[in-house]
Amino acid sequence: MPETKNTVEIERIQTGVRMEKRLIKVLKAVAELKDMSLGDLLEGIVLHAFEGKSAFSAQTLKEIDQFKKIYGLTLRAADSHHLKERR
């Protein structure tokens, strides 16, 4: 794929990140909906978050709500500092 003037060359690494199961299911569904890899989706979310911006349009947020219902994801941002892994 030829580079354009807006292309930014990066180096990616493999990582072994553990995340909540239902959260991953929703993220994978969103990535599939947007025809992108999970890694590309996560990079976009993080880069937007670092700038205090939402990574998703109003329509995508509605779709995410549907995926959350499908996969039983009830966690909210306020829960993020109170999660404890089941043993």
PDB file of N, CA and C in Angstrom:
ATOM      1  N   MET A   1       0.841  -1.182   0.000  1.00  0.00           N
ATOM      2  CA  MET A   1       0.000   0.000   0.000  1.00  0.00           C
ATOM      3  C   MET A   1       0.882   1.241   0.000  1.00  0.00           C
ATOM      4  N   PRO A   2       0.721   2.112  -0.989  1.00  0.00           N
ATOM      5  CA  PRO A   2       1.568   3.305  -1.047  1.00  0.00           C
ATOM      6  C   PRO A   2       1.257   4.271   0.084  1.00  0.00           C
ATOM      7  N   GLU A   3       2.304   4.939   0.551  1.00  0.00           N
ATOM      8  CA  GLU A   3       2.122   5.894   1.634  1.00  0.00           C
ATOM      9  C   GLU A   3       1.580   7.205   1.083  1.00  0.00           C
ATOM     10  N   THR A   4       0.719   7.843   1.861  1.00  0.00           N
ATOM     11  CA  THR A   4       0.225   9.169   1.510  1.00  0.00           C
ATOM     12  C   THR A   4       0.890  10.172   2.428  1.00  0.00           C
ATOM     13  N   LYS A   5       0.675  11.468   2.176  1.00  0.00           N
ATOM     14  CA  LYS A   5       1.314  12.478   3.030  1.00  0.00           C
ATOM     15  C   LYS A   5       0.768  12.450   4.457  1.00  0.00           C
ATOM     16  N   ASN A   6      -0.409  11.804   4.682  1.00  0.00           N
ATOM     17  CA  ASN A   6      -0.988  11.711   6.012  1.00  0.00           C
ATOM     18  C   ASN A   6      -0.601  10.431   6.738  1.00  0.00           C
ATOM     19  N   THR A   7       0.159   9.567   6.100  1.00  0.00           N
ATOM     20  CA  THR A   7       0.558   8.303   6.706  1.00  0.00           C
ATOM     21  C   THR A   7       1.641   8.537   7.749  1.00  0.00           C
ATOM     22  N   VAL A   8       1.497   7.886   8.889  1.00  0.00           N
ATOM     23  CA  VAL A   8       2.491   7.976   9.955  1.00  0.00           C
ATOM     24  C   VAL A   8       3.047   6.572  10.153  1.00  0.00           C
ATOM     25  N   GLU A   9       4.339   6.418   9.958  1.00  0.00           N
ATOM     26  CA  GLU A   9       4.967   5.109  10.125  1.00  0.00           C
ATOM     27  C   GLU A   9       5.164   4.820  11.609  1.00  0.00           C
ATOM     28  N   ILE A  10       4.766   3.631  12.023  1.00  0.00           N
ATOM     29  CA  ILE A  10       4.880   3.227  13.423  1.00  0.00           C
ATOM     30  C   ILE A  10       5.470   1.834  13.515  1.00  0.00           C
ATOM     31  N   GLU A  11       5.826   1.430  14.716  1.00  0.00           N
ATOM     32  CA  GLU A  11       6.265   0.063  14.987  1.00  0.00           C
ATOM     33  C   GLU A  11       5.297  -0.530  16.002  1.00  0.00           C
ATOM     34  N   ARG A  12       4.715  -1.664  15.672  1.00  0.00           N
ATOM     35  CA  ARG A  12       3.788  -2.333  16.586  1.00  0.00           C
ATOM     36  C   ARG A  12       4.493  -3.496  17.263  1.00  0.00           C
ATOM     37  N   ILE A  13       4.046  -3.800  18.489  1.00  0.00           N
ATOM     38  CA  ILE A  13       4.558  -4.944  19.224  1.00  0.00           C
ATOM     39  C   ILE A  13       3.387  -5.803  19.674  1.00  0.00           C
ATOM     40  N   GLN A  14       3.644  -7.068  19.881  1.00  0.00           N
ATOM     41  CA  GLN A  14       2.629  -7.983  20.410  1.00  0.00           C
ATOM     42  C   GLN A  14       2.575  -7.810  21.917  1.00  0.00           C
ATOM     43  N   THR A  15       1.366  -7.832  22.478  1.00  0.00           N
ATOM     44  CA  THR A  15       1.222  -7.663  23.916  1.00  0.00           C
ATOM     45  C   THR A  15       0.258  -8.701  24.465  1.00  0.00           C
ATOM     46  N   GLY A  16       0.426  -9.046  25.690  1.00  0.00           N
ATOM     47  CA  GLY A  16      -0.435 -10.036  26.333  1.00  0.00           C
ATOM     48  C   GLY A  16      -1.320  -9.383  27.371  1.00  0.00           C
ATOM     49  N   VAL A  17      -2.248  -8.560  26.931  1.00  0.00           N
ATOM     50  CA  VAL A  17      -3.121  -7.818  27.837  1.00  0.00           C
ATOM     51  C   VAL A  17      -4.326  -8.673  28.212  1.00  0.00           C
ATOM     52  N   ARG A  18      -4.667  -8.685  29.504  1.00  0.00           N
ATOM     53  CA  ARG A  18      -5.862  -9.388  29.979  1.00  0.00           C
ATOM     54  C   ARG A  18      -6.942  -8.353  30.233  1.00  0.00           C
ATOM     55  N   MET A  19      -8.151  -8.649  29.729  1.00  0.00           N
ATOM     56  CA  MET A  19      -9.278  -7.739  29.909  1.00  0.00           C
ATOM     57  C   MET A  19     -10.529  -8.545  30.222  1.00  0.00           C
ATOM     58  N   GLU A  20     -11.527  -7.881  30.743  1.00  0.00           N
ATOM     59  CA  GLU A  20     -12.789  -8.511  31.097  1.00  0.00           C
ATOM     60  C   GLU A  20     -13.424  -9.146  29.855  1.00  0.00           C
ATOM     61  N   LYS A  21     -13.910 -10.360  30.009  1.00  0.00           N
ATOM     62  CA  LYS A  21     -14.388 -11.183  28.892  1.00  0.00           C
ATOM     63  C   LYS A  21     -15.496 -10.508  28.073  1.00  0.00           C
ATOM     64  N   ARG A  22     -16.512  -9.976  28.734  1.00  0.00           N
ATOM     65  CA  ARG A  22     -17.625  -9.364  28.000  1.00  0.00           C
ATOM     66  C   ARG A  22     -17.191  -8.078  27.307  1.00  0.00           C
ATOM     67  N   LEU A  23     -16.259  -7.367  27.914  1.00  0.00           N
ATOM     68  CA  LEU A  23     -15.727  -6.154  27.299  1.00  0.00           C
ATOM     69  C   LEU A  23     -15.024  -6.484  25.987  1.00  0.00           C
ATOM     70  N   ILE A  24     -14.247  -7.548  25.999  1.00  0.00           N
ATOM     71  CA  ILE A  24     -13.557  -7.979  24.779  1.00  0.00           C
ATOM     72  C   ILE A  24     -14.561  -8.377  23.705  1.00  0.00           C
ATOM     73  N   LYS A  25     -15.629  -9.066  24.086  1.00  0.00           N
ATOM     74  CA  LYS A  25     -16.646  -9.463  23.105  1.00  0.00           C
ATOM     75  C   LYS A  25     -17.263  -8.239  22.438  1.00  0.00           C
ATOM     76  N   VAL A  26     -17.564  -7.207  23.230  1.00  0.00           N
ATOM     77  CA  VAL A  26     -18.132  -5.982  22.670  1.00  0.00           C
ATOM     78  C   VAL A  26     -17.113  -5.296  21.766  1.00  0.00           C
ATOM     79  N   LEU A  27     -15.865  -5.207  22.210  1.00  0.00           N
ATOM     80  CA  LEU A  27     -14.827  -4.576  21.390  1.00  0.00           C
ATOM     81  C   LEU A  27     -14.634  -5.309  20.062  1.00  0.00           C
ATOM     82  N   LYS A  28     -14.621  -6.632  20.103  1.00  0.00           N
ATOM     83  CA  LYS A  28     -14.476  -7.413  18.867  1.00  0.00           C
ATOM     84  C   LYS A  28     -15.658  -7.183  17.932  1.00  0.00           C
ATOM     85  N   ALA A  29     -16.866  -7.073  18.498  1.00  0.00           N
ATOM     86  CA  ALA A  29     -18.049  -6.821  17.679  1.00  0.00           C
ATOM     87  C   ALA A  29     -17.966  -5.444  17.021  1.00  0.00           C
ATOM     88  N   VAL A  30     -17.500  -4.445  17.754  1.00  0.00           N
ATOM     89  CA  VAL A  30     -17.353  -3.100  17.197  1.00  0.00           C
ATOM     90  C   VAL A  30     -16.291  -3.110  16.102  1.00  0.00           C
ATOM     91  N   ALA A  31     -15.176  -3.773  16.349  1.00  0.00           N
ATOM     92  CA  ALA A  31     -14.120  -3.859  15.339  1.00  0.00           C
ATOM     93  C   ALA A  31     -14.652  -4.521  14.067  1.00  0.00           C
ATOM     94  N   GLU A  32     -15.403  -5.594  14.223  1.00  0.00           N
ATOM     95  CA  GLU A  32     -15.994  -6.282  13.069  1.00  0.00           C
ATOM     96  C   GLU A  32     -16.958  -5.356  12.335  1.00  0.00           C
ATOM     97  N   LEU A  33     -17.791  -4.642  13.082  1.00  0.00           N
ATOM     98  CA  LEU A  33     -18.745  -3.706  12.490  1.00  0.00           C
ATOM     99  C   LEU A  33     -18.027  -2.646  11.652  1.00  0.00           C
ATOM    100  N   LYS A  34     -16.893  -2.197  12.149  1.00  0.00           N
ATOM    101  CA  LYS A  34     -16.134  -1.138  11.474  1.00  0.00           C
ATOM    102  C   LYS A  34     -15.105  -1.688  10.486  1.00  0.00           C
ATOM    103  N   ASP A  35     -15.084  -3.024  10.327  1.00  0.00           N
ATOM    104  CA  ASP A  35     -14.167  -3.692   9.390  1.00  0.00           C
ATOM    105  C   ASP A  35     -12.711  -3.311   9.681  1.00  0.00           C
ATOM    106  N   MET A  36     -12.348  -3.460  10.955  1.00  0.00           N
ATOM    107  CA  MET A  36     -10.974  -3.166  11.360  1.00  0.00           C
ATOM    108  C   MET A  36     -10.523  -4.204  12.377  1.00  0.00           C
ATOM    109  N   SER A  37      -9.239  -4.254  12.624  1.00  0.00           N
ATOM    110  CA  SER A  37      -8.728  -5.203  13.610  1.00  0.00           C
ATOM    111  C   SER A  37      -9.001  -4.675  15.017  1.00  0.00           C
ATOM    112  N   LEU A  38      -8.995  -5.587  15.976  1.00  0.00           N
ATOM    113  CA  LEU A  38      -9.158  -5.200  17.373  1.00  0.00           C
ATOM    114  C   LEU A  38      -8.040  -4.250  17.786  1.00  0.00           C
ATOM    115  N   GLY A  39      -6.826  -4.530  17.364  1.00  0.00           N
ATOM    116  CA  GLY A  39      -5.686  -3.665  17.691  1.00  0.00           C
ATOM    117  C   GLY A  39      -5.861  -2.256  17.157  1.00  0.00           C
ATOM    118  N   ASP A  40      -6.320  -2.134  15.898  1.00  0.00           N
ATOM    119  CA  ASP A  40      -6.553  -0.805  15.317  1.00  0.00           C
ATOM    120  C   ASP A  40      -7.636  -0.063  16.086  1.00  0.00           C
ATOM    121  N   LEU A  41      -8.696  -0.770  16.468  1.00  0.00           N
ATOM    122  CA  LEU A  41      -9.768  -0.150  17.246  1.00  0.00           C
ATOM    123  C   LEU A  41      -9.241   0.361  18.584  1.00  0.00           C
ATOM    124  N   LEU A  42      -8.476  -0.481  19.292  1.00  0.00           N
ATOM    125  CA  LEU A  42      -7.935  -0.078  20.597  1.00  0.00           C
ATOM    126  C   LEU A  42      -6.987   1.103  20.468  1.00  0.00           C
ATOM    127  N   GLU A  43      -6.144   1.099  19.427  1.00  0.00           N
ATOM    128  CA  GLU A  43      -5.252   2.246  19.216  1.00  0.00           C
ATOM    129  C   GLU A  43      -6.058   3.535  19.046  1.00  0.00           C
ATOM    130  N   GLY A  44      -7.114   3.473  18.255  1.00  0.00           N
ATOM    131  CA  GLY A  44      -7.942   4.648  18.029  1.00  0.00           C
ATOM    132  C   GLY A  44      -8.616   5.127  19.302  1.00  0.00           C
ATOM    133  N   ILE A  45      -9.149   4.191  20.079  1.00  0.00           N
ATOM    134  CA  ILE A  45      -9.815   4.553  21.337  1.00  0.00           C
ATOM    135  C   ILE A  45      -8.833   5.246  22.280  1.00  0.00           C
ATOM    136  N   VAL A  46      -7.648   4.674  22.421  1.00  0.00           N
ATOM    137  CA  VAL A  46      -6.653   5.226  23.338  1.00  0.00           C
ATOM    138  C   VAL A  46      -6.170   6.594  22.865  1.00  0.00           C
ATOM    139  N   LEU A  47      -5.881   6.734  21.574  1.00  0.00           N
ATOM    140  CA  LEU A  47      -5.414   8.027  21.067  1.00  0.00           C
ATOM    141  C   LEU A  47      -6.475   9.111  21.274  1.00  0.00           C
ATOM    142  N   HIS A  48      -7.744   8.779  21.052  1.00  0.00           N
ATOM    143  CA  HIS A  48      -8.814   9.742  21.317  1.00  0.00           C
ATOM    144  C   HIS A  48      -8.880  10.072  22.811  1.00  0.00           C
ATOM    145  N   ALA A  49      -8.803   9.049  23.659  1.00  0.00           N
ATOM    146  CA  ALA A  49      -8.877   9.263  25.111  1.00  0.00           C
ATOM    147  C   ALA A  49      -7.736  10.154  25.601  1.00  0.00           C
ATOM    148  N   PHE A  50      -6.545   9.966  25.056  1.00  0.00           N
ATOM    149  CA  PHE A  50      -5.395  10.777  25.462  1.00  0.00           C
ATOM    150  C   PHE A  50      -5.621  12.259  25.174  1.00  0.00           C
ATOM    151  N   GLU A  51      -6.492  12.563  24.200  1.00  0.00           N
ATOM    152  CA  GLU A  51      -6.803  13.956  23.863  1.00  0.00           C
ATOM    153  C   GLU A  51      -8.135  14.397  24.452  1.00  0.00           C
ATOM    154  N   GLY A  52      -8.734  13.548  25.302  1.00  0.00           N
ATOM    155  CA  GLY A  52      -9.997  13.901  25.930  1.00  0.00           C
ATOM    156  C   GLY A  52     -11.171  13.910  24.966  1.00  0.00           C
ATOM    157  N   LYS A  53     -11.086  13.120  23.896  1.00  0.00           N
ATOM    158  CA  LYS A  53     -12.136  13.085  22.874  1.00  0.00           C
ATOM    159  C   LYS A  53     -12.828  11.728  22.878  1.00  0.00           C
ATOM    160  N   SER A  54     -14.056  11.716  22.404  1.00  0.00           N
ATOM    161  CA  SER A  54     -14.761  10.452  22.223  1.00  0.00           C
ATOM    162  C   SER A  54     -14.297   9.817  20.918  1.00  0.00           C
ATOM    163  N   ALA A  55     -14.093   8.523  20.948  1.00  0.00           N
ATOM    164  CA  ALA A  55     -13.654   7.811  19.746  1.00  0.00           C
ATOM    165  C   ALA A  55     -14.828   7.413  18.860  1.00  0.00           C
ATOM    166  N   PHE A  56     -16.063   7.600  19.348  1.00  0.00           N
ATOM    167  CA  PHE A  56     -17.218   7.058  18.655  1.00  0.00           C
ATOM    168  C   PHE A  56     -18.262   8.122  18.343  1.00  0.00           C
ATOM    169  N   SER A  57     -18.893   7.961  17.192  1.00  0.00           N
ATOM    170  CA  SER A  57     -20.012   8.821  16.811  1.00  0.00           C
ATOM    171  C   SER A  57     -21.241   8.426  17.625  1.00  0.00           C
ATOM    172  N   ALA A  58     -22.278   9.250  17.568  1.00  0.00           N
ATOM    173  CA  ALA A  58     -23.524   8.946  18.271  1.00  0.00           C
ATOM    174  C   ALA A  58     -24.114   7.627  17.764  1.00  0.00           C
ATOM    175  N   GLN A  59     -24.037   7.387  16.466  1.00  0.00           N
ATOM    176  CA  GLN A  59     -24.570   6.144  15.896  1.00  0.00           C
ATOM    177  C   GLN A  59     -23.796   4.931  16.401  1.00  0.00           C
ATOM    178  N   THR A  60     -22.472   5.026  16.434  1.00  0.00           N
ATOM    179  CA  THR A  60     -21.663   3.910  16.922  1.00  0.00           C
ATOM    180  C   THR A  60     -21.942   3.648  18.392  1.00  0.00           C
ATOM    181  N   LEU A  61     -22.155   4.693  19.178  1.00  0.00           N
ATOM    182  CA  LEU A  61     -22.483   4.507  20.597  1.00  0.00           C
ATOM    183  C   LEU A  61     -23.807   3.750  20.757  1.00  0.00           C
ATOM    184  N   LYS A  62     -24.774   4.011  19.883  1.00  0.00           N
ATOM    185  CA  LYS A  62     -26.033   3.262  19.912  1.00  0.00           C
ATOM    186  C   LYS A  62     -25.778   1.785  19.600  1.00  0.00           C
ATOM    187  N   GLU A  63     -24.918   1.537  18.627  1.00  0.00           N
ATOM    188  CA  GLU A  63     -24.580   0.154  18.260  1.00  0.00           C
ATOM    189  C   GLU A  63     -23.839  -0.539  19.402  1.00  0.00           C
ATOM    190  N   ILE A  64     -22.969   0.190  20.067  1.00  0.00           N
ATOM    191  CA  ILE A  64     -22.251  -0.361  21.220  1.00  0.00           C
ATOM    192  C   ILE A  64     -23.238  -0.726  22.327  1.00  0.00           C
ATOM    193  N   ASP A  65     -24.230   0.112  22.568  1.00  0.00           N
ATOM    194  CA  ASP A  65     -25.251  -0.205  23.573  1.00  0.00           C
ATOM    195  C   ASP A  65     -25.952  -1.523  23.247  1.00  0.00           C
ATOM    196  N   GLN A  66     -26.223  -1.751  21.972  1.00  0.00           N
ATOM    197  CA  GLN A  66     -26.855  -3.008  21.574  1.00  0.00           C
ATOM    198  C   GLN A  66     -25.918  -4.192  21.827  1.00  0.00           C
ATOM    199  N   PHE A  67     -24.642  -4.050  21.486  1.00  0.00           N
ATOM    200  CA  PHE A  67     -23.673  -5.121  21.738  1.00  0.00           C
ATOM    201  C   PHE A  67     -23.547  -5.386  23.237  1.00  0.00           C
ATOM    202  N   LYS A  68     -23.564  -4.328  24.044  1.00  0.00           N
ATOM    203  CA  LYS A  68     -23.479  -4.500  25.496  1.00  0.00           C
ATOM    204  C   LYS A  68     -24.655  -5.322  26.010  1.00  0.00           C
ATOM    205  N   LYS A  69     -25.840  -5.077  25.483  1.00  0.00           N
ATOM    206  CA  LYS A  69     -27.017  -5.858  25.879  1.00  0.00           C
ATOM    207  C   LYS A  69     -26.870  -7.307  25.438  1.00  0.00           C
ATOM    208  N   ILE A  70     -26.426  -7.520  24.225  1.00  0.00           N
ATOM    209  CA  ILE A  70     -26.256  -8.875  23.693  1.00  0.00           C
ATOM    210  C   ILE A  70     -25.286  -9.682  24.554  1.00  0.00           C
ATOM    211  N   TYR A  71     -24.177  -9.064  24.948  1.00  0.00           N
ATOM    212  CA  TYR A  71     -23.125  -9.772  25.684  1.00  0.00           C
ATOM    213  C   TYR A  71     -23.220  -9.593  27.203  1.00  0.00           C
ATOM    214  N   GLY A  72     -24.246  -8.916  27.681  1.00  0.00           N
ATOM    215  CA  GLY A  72     -24.456  -8.786  29.120  1.00  0.00           C
ATOM    216  C   GLY A  72     -23.434  -7.913  29.811  1.00  0.00           C
ATOM    217  N   LEU A  73     -22.880  -6.944  29.099  1.00  0.00           N
ATOM    218  CA  LEU A  73     -21.880  -6.058  29.697  1.00  0.00           C
ATOM    219  C   LEU A  73     -22.585  -4.914  30.415  1.00  0.00           C
ATOM    220  N   THR A  74     -22.492  -4.915  31.726  1.00  0.00           N
ATOM    221  CA  THR A  74     -23.129  -3.880  32.546  1.00  0.00           C
ATOM    222  C   THR A  74     -22.112  -2.957  33.208  1.00  0.00           C
ATOM    223  N   LEU A  75     -20.834  -3.229  33.021  1.00  0.00           N
ATOM    224  CA  LEU A  75     -19.792  -2.394  33.626  1.00  0.00           C
ATOM    225  C   LEU A  75     -19.856  -0.977  33.076  1.00  0.00           C
ATOM    226  N   ARG A  76     -19.536  -0.009  33.929  1.00  0.00           N
ATOM    227  CA  ARG A  76     -19.515   1.404  33.560  1.00  0.00           C
ATOM    228  C   ARG A  76     -18.118   1.945  33.866  1.00  0.00           C
ATOM    229  N   ALA A  77     -17.829   3.133  33.377  1.00  0.00           N
ATOM    230  CA  ALA A  77     -16.530   3.753  33.620  1.00  0.00           C
ATOM    231  C   ALA A  77     -16.238   3.857  35.111  1.00  0.00           C
ATOM    232  N   ALA A  78     -17.252   4.149  35.905  1.00  0.00           N
ATOM    233  CA  ALA A  78     -17.072   4.281  37.355  1.00  0.00           C
ATOM    234  C   ALA A  78     -16.616   2.971  38.001  1.00  0.00           C
ATOM    235  N   ASP A  79     -16.863   1.849  37.349  1.00  0.00           N
ATOM    236  CA  ASP A  79     -16.447   0.547  37.878  1.00  0.00           C
ATOM    237  C   ASP A  79     -14.958   0.265  37.668  1.00  0.00           C
ATOM    238  N   SER A  80     -14.304   1.035  36.826  1.00  0.00           N
ATOM    239  CA  SER A  80     -12.948   0.688  36.380  1.00  0.00           C
ATOM    240  C   SER A  80     -11.914   0.557  37.494  1.00  0.00           C
ATOM    241  N   HIS A  81     -12.084   1.266  38.580  1.00  0.00           N
ATOM    242  CA  HIS A  81     -11.115   1.191  39.681  1.00  0.00           C
ATOM    243  C   HIS A  81     -11.563   0.250  40.795  1.00  0.00           C
ATOM    244  N   HIS A  82     -12.640  -0.491  40.534  1.00  0.00           N
ATOM    245  CA  HIS A  82     -13.197  -1.372  41.563  1.00  0.00           C
ATOM    246  C   HIS A  82     -13.318  -2.814  41.089  1.00  0.00           C
ATOM    247  N   LEU A  83     -12.644  -3.157  39.995  1.00  0.00           N
ATOM    248  CA  LEU A  83     -12.755  -4.502  39.457  1.00  0.00           C
ATOM    249  C   LEU A  83     -11.810  -5.456  40.183  1.00  0.00           C
ATOM    250  N   LYS A  84     -12.310  -6.634  40.476  1.00  0.00           N
ATOM    251  CA  LYS A  84     -11.509  -7.656  41.111  1.00  0.00           C
ATOM    252  C   LYS A  84     -11.719  -8.952  40.335  1.00  0.00           C
ATOM    253  N   GLU A  85     -10.632  -9.569  39.931  1.00  0.00           N
ATOM    254  CA  GLU A  85     -10.725 -10.791  39.128  1.00  0.00           C
ATOM    255  C   GLU A  85     -11.209 -11.950  39.962  1.00  0.00           C
ATOM    256  N   ARG A  86     -12.143 -12.716  39.394  1.00  0.00           N
ATOM    257  CA  ARG A  86     -12.656 -13.920  40.023  1.00  0.00           C
ATOM    258  C   ARG A  86     -11.561 -14.962  40.068  1.00  0.00           C
ATOM    259  N   ARG A  87     -11.464 -15.713  41.164  1.00  0.00           N
ATOM    260  CA  ARG A  87     -10.423 -16.753  41.291  1.00  0.00           C
ATOM    261  C   ARG A  87     -10.978 -18.110  41.024  1.00  0.00           C
TER     262      ARG A  87
END
